[in-house]
Structures are given as structure tokens and as C-alpha cells.
Amino acid sequence: MLNSILKKLLLPAVLLLPASLLRAQTDLDAIMMTKKNLCIGGSYMYSSWDHYWEGTFKRNNQNLGTVTTKMIGLMGTYGINRKLNIIVGAPYVVTNATKGTLHGQKGIQDLSAWVKWMAVEQNMGKGVLSVYVLGGGSIPLTNYIADYLPLAIGLQSKTLSGRLLVDYQQSKFFATLSGTYTWRSNINVDEPSYYTTAMHNTNEVQMPNMTMFNLRTGYRSDGIILEAVPTQMNTMGGFDIRKNYMPFPSAKMNATMVGAHGKYNFTFAQGLSLEGGGSYTVAGRNVGQSTGFDIGVFYILDFSSKKKSK
């Protein structure tokens, strides 16, 4: 799971937003691994767009055609104890454009890691209220090209993120709301100078930080999860793409996405689960209007000395 793993999740540039962040016990849900349990698995994600927002103006581009992003992500979540988890993941990304002369890119992107702590868990009314505090970061694993949007596989920026997540469940129905702030390091591009809204005689690019708000709500039981997932992502600064120009890593990239996600735990093999979902970008600024889906398989390994049935 990316999300974040995002982040790379937030992940590639927002112009390359995947169908969703990787799933299972992740940095965006209110599910925790028990002590000495490891959830490992992988997901395949696909997204595409042929229209994008140039600033606030929505358009297509015959020199690009349809831009697609494919991502294979590997992820692991380990329970140090019932209230403290560690989440690690990394994706392999492939991009492509159906028209024009720009070549797609492929390669390993960023390594992401999160620490997830359940700070509060108490009965409230007829349900249970839980509060989680998370800290995470990401670092590029390869020297991929960042200044090649919208076909770059990432932005080459190191990140640090903080997140507050609040979950309330009553019977089988729940709602989980989270807010994230991500600091992004400056990056270096290959050119000795570049132009945004002014000329910069340096190859160092100042990257704006980002915020993300995510809501997950629906049905959650031991065997199945069905949820709606709206997400809002915004850069704290940046600038609009100039008319008929390529996007730049430090541009303003805002996106409003809606999606759905499901998870099923198999009864014939304890610890084995299948997950999948889809998303659609309904509004944005300097991003593609992407449609995508994801599917993944995960398995829980129990390393405790005494096996416990669920």
C-alpha cells in the first residue's frame, strides 16, 4: 500500500494520481494489526485521463492523447502491539501517452514508512470512538526524472507527514475522517535555470507543502468492508500551468476525488483477504481528470508464540 504510501501515495505527482492508495491495514484507515502480526501483500493500480485542468480551464491535448499510469505496490504492516503499528511500502510505476513524441517512464519510485498509534479508544453513546496519531515520510529509491510531467513517475522530493485520524463505529456502520499535512523538500532539476512566473537562475526548485483530507464511511465487519471514499488534496502555494506548457513539479496541484473501496476476508484461509476499488477526479487545478481502479491480495502472518484465533 502506498498512500500514502501516499505519498507518495502522495505518490507520483498529483497529475499522475493512482486509482487509490494501497489498501489493507494502512495509514488511512482505522484498522490495526495485533501484536507480532505482519500483513503483507501487493496491489495493482491503473488510472488514465485525456482531459486536464490548465489552471482552472479544462481542456484536452492532442499531443498527449490519453495518459495512463500503472502501478504495482508492495506493502507490509507490522503490529508492535495492539496500539502501535509500522507500515512500509514501495511502488513500481509505468507511465504512457497514446499520442505525441513524449516517451513514457518506468521504474521504482519512493520508499514510504508510517508509524500509526491508537491514542484513544472509548465507548461513546452506542458506538466506539477511536483517535489515531500518525507520522510518516518518504524518500526516492531511484534517480528518476522529476521534471518530465505528466509522464514522470514521481517528484524526487523527500517528505515528512503528520496525520490525525478520528473513527466512530456504531454496530457495523462507521465513519473515519483524517487530515494530513506534508512537508516536501526542495528538488534539483537537470536544467541550470527554469521559468515559473519568473526566471530562476538555479536548478533548485522550491516545492510547496501539501494538505489532504480523507473521509471513509460505510459498512465494516470482521469479514467485509464496503466504503465510500471522498478525498481533497491541495498544495500550499505554487502556480498555474502556462497556456500550452508542460506542468512543472512546483506547480499548484489541487484535486477533489470520489471513490469506493471493498475488502473481503476469505473464510477458507484465515488471514487472506482480497481488496479493490475505484476513484474519479471530479474537480481539480493543474491535474488530470483521472479515472482508475485498484485490486490487491494480502495475507496476515502470526509471529506470536501463542497463536490466537480471531
C-alpha atoms as a PDB file:
ATOM      1  CA  MET A   1       0.000   0.000   0.000  1.00  0.00           C
ATOM      2  CA  LEU A   2       1.245   3.224  -0.897  1.00  0.00           C
ATOM      3  CA  ASN A   3      -0.905   6.309   0.423  1.00  0.00           C
ATOM      4  CA  SER A   4       0.152   7.310   1.165  1.00  0.00           C
ATOM      5  CA  ILE A   5       2.239   5.217   0.641  1.00  0.00           C
ATOM      6  CA  LEU A   6       0.664   8.055  -0.208  1.00  0.00           C
ATOM      7  CA  LYS A   7       2.828   9.981  -0.903  1.00  0.00           C
ATOM      8  CA  LYS A   8       3.629   9.271  -2.460  1.00  0.00           C
ATOM      9  CA  LEU A   9       0.954   7.952  -2.070  1.00  0.00           C
ATOM     10  CA  LEU A  10       1.143  11.054  -2.062  1.00  0.00           C
ATOM     11  CA  LEU A  11       2.755   9.282  -4.758  1.00  0.00           C
ATOM     12  CA  PRO A  12       3.536  10.237  -8.214  1.00  0.00           C
ATOM     13  CA  ALA A  13       2.733  13.844  -8.954  1.00  0.00           C
ATOM     14  CA  VAL A  14      -0.919  14.635  -8.450  1.00  0.00           C
ATOM     15  CA  LEU A  15      -1.135  14.751 -12.244  1.00  0.00           C
ATOM     16  CA  LEU A  16      -0.432  11.016 -12.065  1.00  0.00           C
ATOM     17  CA  LEU A  17      -2.827  10.241  -9.246  1.00  0.00           C
ATOM     18  CA  PRO A  18      -3.385   6.494  -8.952  1.00  0.00           C
ATOM     19  CA  ALA A  19      -6.794   4.944  -8.678  1.00  0.00           C
ATOM     20  CA  SER A  20      -6.397   4.888  -4.907  1.00  0.00           C
ATOM     21  CA  LEU A  21      -3.844   4.371  -2.264  1.00  0.00           C
ATOM     22  CA  LEU A  22      -2.831   0.845  -1.444  1.00  0.00           C
ATOM     23  CA  ARG A  23      -5.139  -0.908   0.984  1.00  0.00           C
ATOM     24  CA  ALA A  24      -5.299  -3.443   3.826  1.00  0.00           C
ATOM     25  CA  GLN A  25      -4.295  -2.077   7.238  1.00  0.00           C
ATOM     26  CA  THR A  26      -2.957   1.280   6.035  1.00  0.00           C
ATOM     27  CA  ASP A  27      -2.146   4.787   7.147  1.00  0.00           C
ATOM     28  CA  LEU A  28      -5.614   5.996   6.085  1.00  0.00           C
ATOM     29  CA  ASP A  29      -7.941   3.564   7.877  1.00  0.00           C
ATOM     30  CA  ALA A  30      -8.884   2.772  11.460  1.00  0.00           C
ATOM     31  CA  ILE A  31      -7.736  -0.870  11.367  1.00  0.00           C
ATOM     32  CA  MET A  32      -4.788  -2.046  13.474  1.00  0.00           C
ATOM     33  CA  MET A  33      -2.657  -5.176  13.356  1.00  0.00           C
ATOM     34  CA  THR A  34      -2.413  -7.117  16.604  1.00  0.00           C
ATOM     35  CA  LYS A  35       0.925  -7.699  18.361  1.00  0.00           C
ATOM     36  CA  LYS A  36       3.532  -9.641  16.325  1.00  0.00           C
ATOM     37  CA  ASN A  37       1.241  -9.926  13.295  1.00  0.00           C
ATOM     38  CA  LEU A  38       2.521  -8.946   9.835  1.00  0.00           C
ATOM     39  CA  CYS A  39       0.195  -8.115   6.931  1.00  0.00           C
ATOM     40  CA  ILE A  40       1.994  -8.352   3.590  1.00  0.00           C
ATOM     41  CA  GLY A  41       0.741  -8.159   0.041  1.00  0.00           C
ATOM     42  CA  GLY A  42       0.591  -6.292  -3.200  1.00  0.00           C
ATOM     43  CA  SER A  43      -1.759  -4.175  -5.291  1.00  0.00           C
ATOM     44  CA  TYR A  44      -2.147  -3.328  -8.946  1.00  0.00           C
ATOM     45  CA  MET A  45      -3.463   0.122  -9.802  1.00  0.00           C
ATOM     46  CA  TYR A  46      -4.412   1.674 -13.117  1.00  0.00           C
ATOM     47  CA  SER A  47      -5.528   5.217 -13.917  1.00  0.00           C
ATOM     48  CA  SER A  48      -5.997   7.233 -17.107  1.00  0.00           C
ATOM     49  CA  TRP A  49      -7.091  10.691 -18.265  1.00  0.00           C
ATOM     50  CA  ASP A  50      -7.466  12.559 -21.546  1.00  0.00           C
ATOM     51  CA  HIS A  51      -8.669  15.895 -20.125  1.00  0.00           C
ATOM     52  CA  TYR A  52      -6.930  18.052 -17.547  1.00  0.00           C
ATOM     53  CA  TRP A  53      -7.181  21.441 -15.890  1.00  0.00           C
ATOM     54  CA  GLU A  54      -4.741  24.088 -17.119  1.00  0.00           C
ATOM     55  CA  GLY A  55      -5.191  26.306 -14.101  1.00  0.00           C
ATOM     56  CA  THR A  56      -8.979  26.355 -13.834  1.00  0.00           C
ATOM     57  CA  PHE A  57      -9.520  25.836 -17.592  1.00  0.00           C
ATOM     58  CA  LYS A  58     -10.464  22.271 -18.514  1.00  0.00           C
ATOM     59  CA  ARG A  59      -9.057  21.027 -21.834  1.00  0.00           C
ATOM     60  CA  ASN A  60      -7.561  18.122 -23.751  1.00  0.00           C
ATOM     61  CA  ASN A  61      -4.247  17.925 -25.639  1.00  0.00           C
ATOM     62  CA  GLN A  62      -3.836  16.088 -28.937  1.00  0.00           C
ATOM     63  CA  ASN A  63      -0.072  15.912 -28.335  1.00  0.00           C
ATOM     64  CA  LEU A  64      -0.734  13.675 -25.326  1.00  0.00           C
ATOM     65  CA  GLY A  65      -3.870  11.731 -26.120  1.00  0.00           C
ATOM     66  CA  THR A  66      -4.668   9.542 -23.132  1.00  0.00           C
ATOM     67  CA  VAL A  67      -2.146   9.472 -20.285  1.00  0.00           C
ATOM     68  CA  THR A  68      -2.066   6.234 -18.284  1.00  0.00           C
ATOM     69  CA  THR A  69      -0.330   5.262 -15.051  1.00  0.00           C
ATOM     70  CA  LYS A  70       0.147   1.659 -13.950  1.00  0.00           C
ATOM     71  CA  MET A  71       1.468   0.877 -10.513  1.00  0.00           C
ATOM     72  CA  ILE A  72       2.444  -2.319  -8.714  1.00  0.00           C
ATOM     73  CA  GLY A  73       2.898  -1.733  -4.997  1.00  0.00           C
ATOM     74  CA  LEU A  74       4.310  -3.934  -2.239  1.00  0.00           C
ATOM     75  CA  MET A  75       3.439  -3.220   1.373  1.00  0.00           C
ATOM     76  CA  GLY A  76       3.836  -4.552   4.889  1.00  0.00           C
ATOM     77  CA  THR A  77       2.170  -3.629   8.185  1.00  0.00           C
ATOM     78  CA  TYR A  78       3.597  -4.945  11.465  1.00  0.00           C
ATOM     79  CA  GLY A  79       1.956  -4.796  14.880  1.00  0.00           C
ATOM     80  CA  ILE A  80       4.454  -3.855  17.590  1.00  0.00           C
ATOM     81  CA  ASN A  81       1.454  -4.065  19.887  1.00  0.00           C
ATOM     82  CA  ARG A  82      -2.295  -3.604  19.538  1.00  0.00           C
ATOM     83  CA  LYS A  83      -1.997   0.181  19.604  1.00  0.00           C
ATOM     84  CA  LEU A  84       1.231   0.729  17.663  1.00  0.00           C
ATOM     85  CA  ASN A  85       1.852  -0.314  14.042  1.00  0.00           C
ATOM     86  CA  ILE A  86       4.585   0.282  11.457  1.00  0.00           C
ATOM     87  CA  ILE A  87       3.666   0.489   7.747  1.00  0.00           C
ATOM     88  CA  VAL A  88       6.215   0.307   4.907  1.00  0.00           C
ATOM     89  CA  GLY A  89       5.700   0.229   1.144  1.00  0.00           C
ATOM     90  CA  ALA A  90       7.163   0.994  -2.280  1.00  0.00           C
ATOM     91  CA  PRO A  91       5.699   1.063  -5.819  1.00  0.00           C
ATOM     92  CA  TYR A  92       6.911   0.305  -9.326  1.00  0.00           C
ATOM     93  CA  VAL A  93       5.343   2.829 -11.723  1.00  0.00           C
ATOM     94  CA  VAL A  94       4.857   2.830 -15.513  1.00  0.00           C
ATOM     95  CA  THR A  95       3.513   5.851 -17.429  1.00  0.00           C
ATOM     96  CA  ASN A  96       2.499   6.253 -21.070  1.00  0.00           C
ATOM     97  CA  ALA A  97       0.868   8.707 -23.502  1.00  0.00           C
ATOM     98  CA  THR A  98      -1.009   7.400 -26.548  1.00  0.00           C
ATOM     99  CA  LYS A  99      -0.102  10.332 -28.833  1.00  0.00           C
ATOM    100  CA  GLY A 100       2.758  12.707 -29.464  1.00  0.00           C
ATOM    101  CA  THR A 101       6.510  12.278 -29.077  1.00  0.00           C
ATOM    102  CA  LEU A 102       6.833  12.109 -25.279  1.00  0.00           C
ATOM    103  CA  HIS A 103       8.073   8.722 -24.107  1.00  0.00           C
ATOM    104  CA  GLY A 104       6.587   7.029 -21.052  1.00  0.00           C
ATOM    105  CA  GLN A 105       8.689   6.356 -17.972  1.00  0.00           C
ATOM    106  CA  LYS A 106       9.014   3.341 -15.675  1.00  0.00           C
ATOM    107  CA  GLY A 107      10.866   2.432 -12.515  1.00  0.00           C
ATOM    108  CA  ILE A 108      10.827   2.069  -8.753  1.00  0.00           C
ATOM    109  CA  GLN A 109       9.543   5.219  -7.126  1.00  0.00           C
ATOM    110  CA  ASP A 110       9.711   6.136  -3.398  1.00  0.00           C
ATOM    111  CA  LEU A 111      10.033   4.170  -0.163  1.00  0.00           C
ATOM    112  CA  SER A 112       7.384   5.253   2.339  1.00  0.00           C
ATOM    113  CA  ALA A 113       7.046   4.481   6.040  1.00  0.00           C
ATOM    114  CA  TRP A 114       4.466   5.341   8.699  1.00  0.00           C
ATOM    115  CA  VAL A 115       4.128   4.917  12.451  1.00  0.00           C
ATOM    116  CA  LYS A 116       0.476   4.552  13.482  1.00  0.00           C
ATOM    117  CA  TRP A 117      -0.592   4.964  17.132  1.00  0.00           C
ATOM    118  CA  MET A 118      -4.065   4.469  18.559  1.00  0.00           C
ATOM    119  CA  ALA A 119      -4.133   7.257  21.134  1.00  0.00           C
ATOM    120  CA  VAL A 120      -7.781   6.962  22.242  1.00  0.00           C
ATOM    121  CA  GLU A 121     -10.341   4.160  22.216  1.00  0.00           C
ATOM    122  CA  GLN A 122     -13.511   4.559  24.278  1.00  0.00           C
ATOM    123  CA  ASN A 123     -17.230   3.953  24.235  1.00  0.00           C
ATOM    124  CA  MET A 124     -19.297   6.957  23.210  1.00  0.00           C
ATOM    125  CA  GLY A 125     -23.068   6.713  23.034  1.00  0.00           C
ATOM    126  CA  LYS A 126     -23.961   3.477  21.258  1.00  0.00           C
ATOM    127  CA  GLY A 127     -20.622   3.216  19.464  1.00  0.00           C
ATOM    128  CA  VAL A 128     -16.855   3.359  19.866  1.00  0.00           C
ATOM    129  CA  LEU A 129     -14.696   6.440  19.249  1.00  0.00           C
ATOM    130  CA  SER A 130     -11.047   5.960  18.272  1.00  0.00           C
ATOM    131  CA  VAL A 131      -8.356   8.580  17.681  1.00  0.00           C
ATOM    132  CA  TYR A 132      -5.092   7.827  15.856  1.00  0.00           C
ATOM    133  CA  VAL A 133      -1.913   9.879  15.528  1.00  0.00           C
ATOM    134  CA  LEU A 134       0.408   9.101  12.613  1.00  0.00           C
ATOM    135  CA  GLY A 135       3.808  10.233  11.424  1.00  0.00           C
ATOM    136  CA  GLY A 136       5.423   9.251   8.149  1.00  0.00           C
ATOM    137  CA  GLY A 137       7.824  10.086   5.390  1.00  0.00           C
ATOM    138  CA  SER A 138       9.145   9.044   2.006  1.00  0.00           C
ATOM    139  CA  ILE A 139      12.440   9.065   0.134  1.00  0.00           C
ATOM    140  CA  PRO A 140      13.156   8.397  -3.565  1.00  0.00           C
ATOM    141  CA  LEU A 141      14.690   4.977  -4.230  1.00  0.00           C
ATOM    142  CA  THR A 142      15.957   5.726  -7.750  1.00  0.00           C
ATOM    143  CA  ASN A 143      17.239   8.728  -9.697  1.00  0.00           C
ATOM    144  CA  TYR A 144      14.157   9.094 -11.882  1.00  0.00           C
ATOM    145  CA  ILE A 145      13.482  12.374 -13.730  1.00  0.00           C
ATOM    146  CA  ALA A 146      11.094  14.678 -11.852  1.00  0.00           C
ATOM    147  CA  ASP A 147      10.946  17.497 -14.429  1.00  0.00           C
ATOM    148  CA  TYR A 148       9.076  15.431 -17.028  1.00  0.00           C
ATOM    149  CA  LEU A 149       5.437  15.863 -16.124  1.00  0.00           C
ATOM    150  CA  PRO A 150       2.917  14.485 -16.776  1.00  0.00           C
ATOM    151  CA  LEU A 151       4.947  11.328 -17.520  1.00  0.00           C
ATOM    152  CA  ALA A 152       7.406  11.443 -14.613  1.00  0.00           C
ATOM    153  CA  ILE A 153       6.925   8.580 -12.145  1.00  0.00           C
ATOM    154  CA  GLY A 154       7.400  10.884  -9.148  1.00  0.00           C
ATOM    155  CA  LEU A 155       8.663  14.248  -7.915  1.00  0.00           C
ATOM    156  CA  GLN A 156      12.030  13.289  -6.273  1.00  0.00           C
ATOM    157  CA  SER A 157      11.041  15.220  -3.139  1.00  0.00           C
ATOM    158  CA  LYS A 158      11.668  13.815   0.335  1.00  0.00           C
ATOM    159  CA  THR A 159       8.583  14.164   2.517  1.00  0.00           C
ATOM    160  CA  LEU A 160       7.572  14.256   6.175  1.00  0.00           C
ATOM    161  CA  SER A 161       3.883  13.946   7.104  1.00  0.00           C
ATOM    162  CA  GLY A 162       1.716  14.241  10.183  1.00  0.00           C
ATOM    163  CA  ARG A 163      -1.843  12.962  10.343  1.00  0.00           C
ATOM    164  CA  LEU A 164      -4.745  12.980  12.799  1.00  0.00           C
ATOM    165  CA  LEU A 165      -7.417  10.317  12.207  1.00  0.00           C
ATOM    166  CA  VAL A 166     -10.756  10.026  14.039  1.00  0.00           C
ATOM    167  CA  ASP A 167     -13.031   6.991  13.687  1.00  0.00           C
ATOM    168  CA  TYR A 168     -16.505   6.289  15.047  1.00  0.00           C
ATOM    169  CA  GLN A 169     -18.230   2.913  14.665  1.00  0.00           C
ATOM    170  CA  GLN A 170     -21.759   2.030  15.733  1.00  0.00           C
ATOM    171  CA  SER A 171     -22.756  -1.570  15.122  1.00  0.00           C
ATOM    172  CA  LYS A 172     -21.432  -2.345  11.616  1.00  0.00           C
ATOM    173  CA  PHE A 173     -21.504   1.231  10.326  1.00  0.00           C
ATOM    174  CA  PHE A 174     -18.597   3.649  10.629  1.00  0.00           C
ATOM    175  CA  ALA A 175     -17.078   6.963   9.577  1.00  0.00           C
ATOM    176  CA  THR A 176     -13.353   7.776   9.527  1.00  0.00           C
ATOM    177  CA  LEU A 177     -12.082  11.329   8.975  1.00  0.00           C
ATOM    178  CA  SER A 178      -8.409  12.251   8.630  1.00  0.00           C
ATOM    179  CA  GLY A 179      -6.366  15.362   7.941  1.00  0.00           C
ATOM    180  CA  THR A 180      -2.728  15.326   6.779  1.00  0.00           C
ATOM    181  CA  TYR A 181      -0.019  17.942   6.412  1.00  0.00           C
ATOM    182  CA  THR A 182       3.018  17.015   4.279  1.00  0.00           C
ATOM    183  CA  TRP A 183       6.313  18.889   4.166  1.00  0.00           C
ATOM    184  CA  ARG A 184       8.243  18.449   0.920  1.00  0.00           C
ATOM    185  CA  SER A 185      11.953  19.066   0.428  1.00  0.00           C
ATOM    186  CA  ASN A 186      13.331  21.090  -2.458  1.00  0.00           C
ATOM    187  CA  ILE A 187      14.458  19.180  -5.553  1.00  0.00           C
ATOM    188  CA  ASN A 188      17.098  19.670  -8.247  1.00  0.00           C
ATOM    189  CA  VAL A 189      16.264  19.584 -11.954  1.00  0.00           C
ATOM    190  CA  ASP A 190      18.651  18.973 -14.855  1.00  0.00           C
ATOM    191  CA  GLU A 191      18.405  22.486 -16.323  1.00  0.00           C
ATOM    192  CA  PRO A 192      20.672  25.272 -14.953  1.00  0.00           C
ATOM    193  CA  SER A 193      17.660  27.627 -14.888  1.00  0.00           C
ATOM    194  CA  TYR A 194      13.870  27.468 -15.250  1.00  0.00           C
ATOM    195  CA  TYR A 195      10.827  29.712 -15.548  1.00  0.00           C
ATOM    196  CA  THR A 196       7.643  29.559 -13.451  1.00  0.00           C
ATOM    197  CA  THR A 197       6.085  33.002 -13.018  1.00  0.00           C
ATOM    198  CA  ALA A 198       9.589  34.470 -13.058  1.00  0.00           C
ATOM    199  CA  MET A 199      13.066  33.404 -14.154  1.00  0.00           C
ATOM    200  CA  HIS A 200      15.066  31.305 -11.663  1.00  0.00           C
ATOM    201  CA  ASN A 201      18.805  31.110 -12.353  1.00  0.00           C
ATOM    202  CA  THR A 202      19.283  27.928 -10.361  1.00  0.00           C
ATOM    203  CA  ASN A 203      18.495  24.237 -10.716  1.00  0.00           C
ATOM    204  CA  GLU A 204      16.990  24.055  -7.212  1.00  0.00           C
ATOM    205  CA  VAL A 205      13.188  24.051  -7.132  1.00  0.00           C
ATOM    206  CA  GLN A 206      11.277  25.070  -4.008  1.00  0.00           C
ATOM    207  CA  MET A 207       8.414  22.619  -3.520  1.00  0.00           C
ATOM    208  CA  PRO A 208       5.158  23.754  -1.874  1.00  0.00           C
ATOM    209  CA  ASN A 209       3.876  21.686   1.013  1.00  0.00           C
ATOM    210  CA  MET A 210       0.574  19.787   0.797  1.00  0.00           C
ATOM    211  CA  THR A 211      -2.598  19.031   2.752  1.00  0.00           C
ATOM    212  CA  MET A 212      -5.042  16.154   2.355  1.00  0.00           C
ATOM    213  CA  PHE A 213      -8.455  15.449   3.883  1.00  0.00           C
ATOM    214  CA  ASN A 214      -9.937  11.974   3.566  1.00  0.00           C
ATOM    215  CA  LEU A 215     -13.330  10.551   4.586  1.00  0.00           C
ATOM    216  CA  ARG A 216     -14.166   6.849   4.635  1.00  0.00           C
ATOM    217  CA  THR A 217     -17.680   5.782   5.552  1.00  0.00           C
ATOM    218  CA  GLY A 218     -19.822   2.695   5.112  1.00  0.00           C
ATOM    219  CA  TYR A 219     -20.133  -0.867   6.412  1.00  0.00           C
ATOM    220  CA  ARG A 220     -17.372  -2.619   8.360  1.00  0.00           C
ATOM    221  CA  SER A 221     -17.420  -6.099   9.904  1.00  0.00           C
ATOM    222  CA  ASP A 222     -14.855  -8.834  10.574  1.00  0.00           C
ATOM    223  CA  GLY A 223     -15.473 -10.366   7.161  1.00  0.00           C
ATOM    224  CA  ILE A 224     -16.240  -7.477   4.825  1.00  0.00           C
ATOM    225  CA  ILE A 225     -15.715  -3.734   4.390  1.00  0.00           C
ATOM    226  CA  LEU A 226     -17.665  -1.555   1.941  1.00  0.00           C
ATOM    227  CA  GLU A 227     -16.956   2.165   1.984  1.00  0.00           C
ATOM    228  CA  ALA A 228     -17.286   5.423   0.085  1.00  0.00           C
ATOM    229  CA  VAL A 229     -14.059   7.451  -0.031  1.00  0.00           C
ATOM    230  CA  PRO A 230     -14.030  11.178  -0.934  1.00  0.00           C
ATOM    231  CA  THR A 231     -10.606  12.894  -0.807  1.00  0.00           C
ATOM    232  CA  GLN A 232      -9.438  16.509  -1.116  1.00  0.00           C
ATOM    233  CA  MET A 233      -5.762  17.294  -1.847  1.00  0.00           C
ATOM    234  CA  ASN A 234      -4.240  20.794  -2.046  1.00  0.00           C
ATOM    235  CA  THR A 235      -0.785  22.311  -2.445  1.00  0.00           C
ATOM    236  CA  MET A 236       0.042  25.206  -0.115  1.00  0.00           C
ATOM    237  CA  GLY A 237       1.263  27.548  -2.828  1.00  0.00           C
ATOM    238  CA  GLY A 238       2.539  27.002  -6.347  1.00  0.00           C
ATOM    239  CA  PHE A 239       1.322  28.476  -9.629  1.00  0.00           C
ATOM    240  CA  ASP A 240      -0.898  27.639 -12.613  1.00  0.00           C
ATOM    241  CA  ILE A 241       0.374  25.913 -15.764  1.00  0.00           C
ATOM    242  CA  ARG A 242       1.009  28.423 -18.542  1.00  0.00           C
ATOM    243  CA  LYS A 243      -1.038  28.078 -21.723  1.00  0.00           C
ATOM    244  CA  ASN A 244       0.172  25.104 -23.826  1.00  0.00           C
ATOM    245  CA  TYR A 245       3.132  24.438 -21.500  1.00  0.00           C
ATOM    246  CA  MET A 246       4.091  21.263 -19.671  1.00  0.00           C
ATOM    247  CA  PRO A 247       3.366  21.163 -15.927  1.00  0.00           C
ATOM    248  CA  PHE A 248       6.256  21.786 -13.531  1.00  0.00           C
ATOM    249  CA  PRO A 249       6.984  19.950 -10.223  1.00  0.00           C
ATOM    250  CA  SER A 250       6.326  23.028  -8.057  1.00  0.00           C
ATOM    251  CA  ALA A 251       3.017  23.954  -9.737  1.00  0.00           C
ATOM    252  CA  LYS A 252      -0.198  24.211  -7.749  1.00  0.00           C
ATOM    253  CA  MET A 253      -1.930  20.815  -7.890  1.00  0.00           C
ATOM    254  CA  ASN A 254      -5.367  20.505  -6.294  1.00  0.00           C
ATOM    255  CA  ALA A 255      -7.755  17.586  -6.715  1.00  0.00           C
ATOM    256  CA  THR A 256     -11.175  16.518  -5.445  1.00  0.00           C
ATOM    257  CA  MET A 257     -11.741  12.766  -5.817  1.00  0.00           C
ATOM    258  CA  VAL A 258     -14.614  10.406  -5.054  1.00  0.00           C
ATOM    259  CA  GLY A 259     -14.284   6.654  -4.879  1.00  0.00           C
ATOM    260  CA  ALA A 260     -15.382   3.375  -3.361  1.00  0.00           C
ATOM    261  CA  HIS A 261     -13.458   0.522  -1.760  1.00  0.00           C
ATOM    262  CA  GLY A 262     -14.217  -3.009  -0.677  1.00  0.00           C
ATOM    263  CA  LYS A 263     -12.418  -5.705   1.284  1.00  0.00           C
ATOM    264  CA  TYR A 264     -13.300  -9.373   1.774  1.00  0.00           C
ATOM    265  CA  ASN A 265     -11.666 -11.755   4.257  1.00  0.00           C
ATOM    266  CA  PHE A 266     -11.759 -15.348   2.993  1.00  0.00           C
ATOM    267  CA  THR A 267     -13.203 -17.899   5.395  1.00  0.00           C
ATOM    268  CA  PHE A 268     -11.339 -20.897   3.956  1.00  0.00           C
ATOM    269  CA  ALA A 269      -7.905 -19.328   4.640  1.00  0.00           C
ATOM    270  CA  GLN A 270      -7.596 -17.288   7.818  1.00  0.00           C
ATOM    271  CA  GLY A 271      -5.604 -14.115   7.219  1.00  0.00           C
ATOM    272  CA  LEU A 272      -6.146 -13.993   3.440  1.00  0.00           C
ATOM    273  CA  SER A 273      -8.059 -11.023   2.011  1.00  0.00           C
ATOM    274  CA  LEU A 274      -8.977  -9.537  -1.359  1.00  0.00           C
ATOM    275  CA  GLU A 275      -9.395  -5.781  -1.823  1.00  0.00           C
ATOM    276  CA  GLY A 276     -10.367  -3.473  -4.641  1.00  0.00           C
ATOM    277  CA  GLY A 277     -11.878  -0.149  -5.548  1.00  0.00           C
ATOM    278  CA  GLY A 278     -12.048   2.764  -7.927  1.00  0.00           C
ATOM    279  CA  SER A 279     -11.927   6.564  -7.994  1.00  0.00           C
ATOM    280  CA  TYR A 280     -12.716   9.538 -10.199  1.00  0.00           C
ATOM    281  CA  THR A 281     -11.376  13.108 -10.092  1.00  0.00           C
ATOM    282  CA  VAL A 282     -14.421  15.374 -10.132  1.00  0.00           C
ATOM    283  CA  ALA A 283     -12.613  18.725  -9.853  1.00  0.00           C
ATOM    284  CA  GLY A 284      -9.052  19.958  -9.944  1.00  0.00           C
ATOM    285  CA  ARG A 285      -6.438  22.558 -10.764  1.00  0.00           C
ATOM    286  CA  ASN A 286      -3.401  21.687 -12.902  1.00  0.00           C
ATOM    287  CA  VAL A 287      -4.192  17.960 -12.652  1.00  0.00           C
ATOM    288  CA  GLY A 288      -5.622  15.320 -14.950  1.00  0.00           C
ATOM    289  CA  GLN A 289      -9.256  14.244 -14.628  1.00  0.00           C
ATOM    290  CA  SER A 290      -8.329  10.645 -13.930  1.00  0.00           C
ATOM    291  CA  THR A 291     -10.446   7.520 -13.629  1.00  0.00           C
ATOM    292  CA  GLY A 292      -8.888   4.456 -12.079  1.00  0.00           C
ATOM    293  CA  PHE A 293      -9.177   1.211 -10.185  1.00  0.00           C
ATOM    294  CA  ASP A 294      -7.076  -0.994  -7.940  1.00  0.00           C
ATOM    295  CA  ILE A 295      -7.049  -4.612  -6.783  1.00  0.00           C
ATOM    296  CA  GLY A 296      -4.861  -6.315  -4.200  1.00  0.00           C
ATOM    297  CA  VAL A 297      -4.275  -9.518  -2.243  1.00  0.00           C
ATOM    298  CA  PHE A 298      -2.949  -9.539   1.339  1.00  0.00           C
ATOM    299  CA  TYR A 299      -2.068 -12.166   3.927  1.00  0.00           C
ATOM    300  CA  ILE A 300      -1.507 -11.948   7.685  1.00  0.00           C
ATOM    301  CA  LEU A 301       1.381 -13.864   9.265  1.00  0.00           C
ATOM    302  CA  ASP A 302       1.225 -14.512  13.021  1.00  0.00           C
ATOM    303  CA  PHE A 303       4.654 -14.477  14.708  1.00  0.00           C
ATOM    304  CA  SER A 304       3.366 -14.593  18.269  1.00  0.00           C
ATOM    305  CA  SER A 305       4.415 -17.575  20.385  1.00  0.00           C
ATOM    306  CA  LYS A 306       0.792 -18.384  21.111  1.00  0.00           C
ATOM    307  CA  LYS A 307      -1.499 -18.465  18.061  1.00  0.00           C
ATOM    308  CA  LYS A 308      -4.805 -16.699  18.572  1.00  0.00           C
ATOM    309  CA  SER A 309      -7.898 -17.282  16.507  1.00  0.00           C
ATOM    310  CA  LYS A 310      -9.895 -14.207  15.550  1.00  0.00           C
END
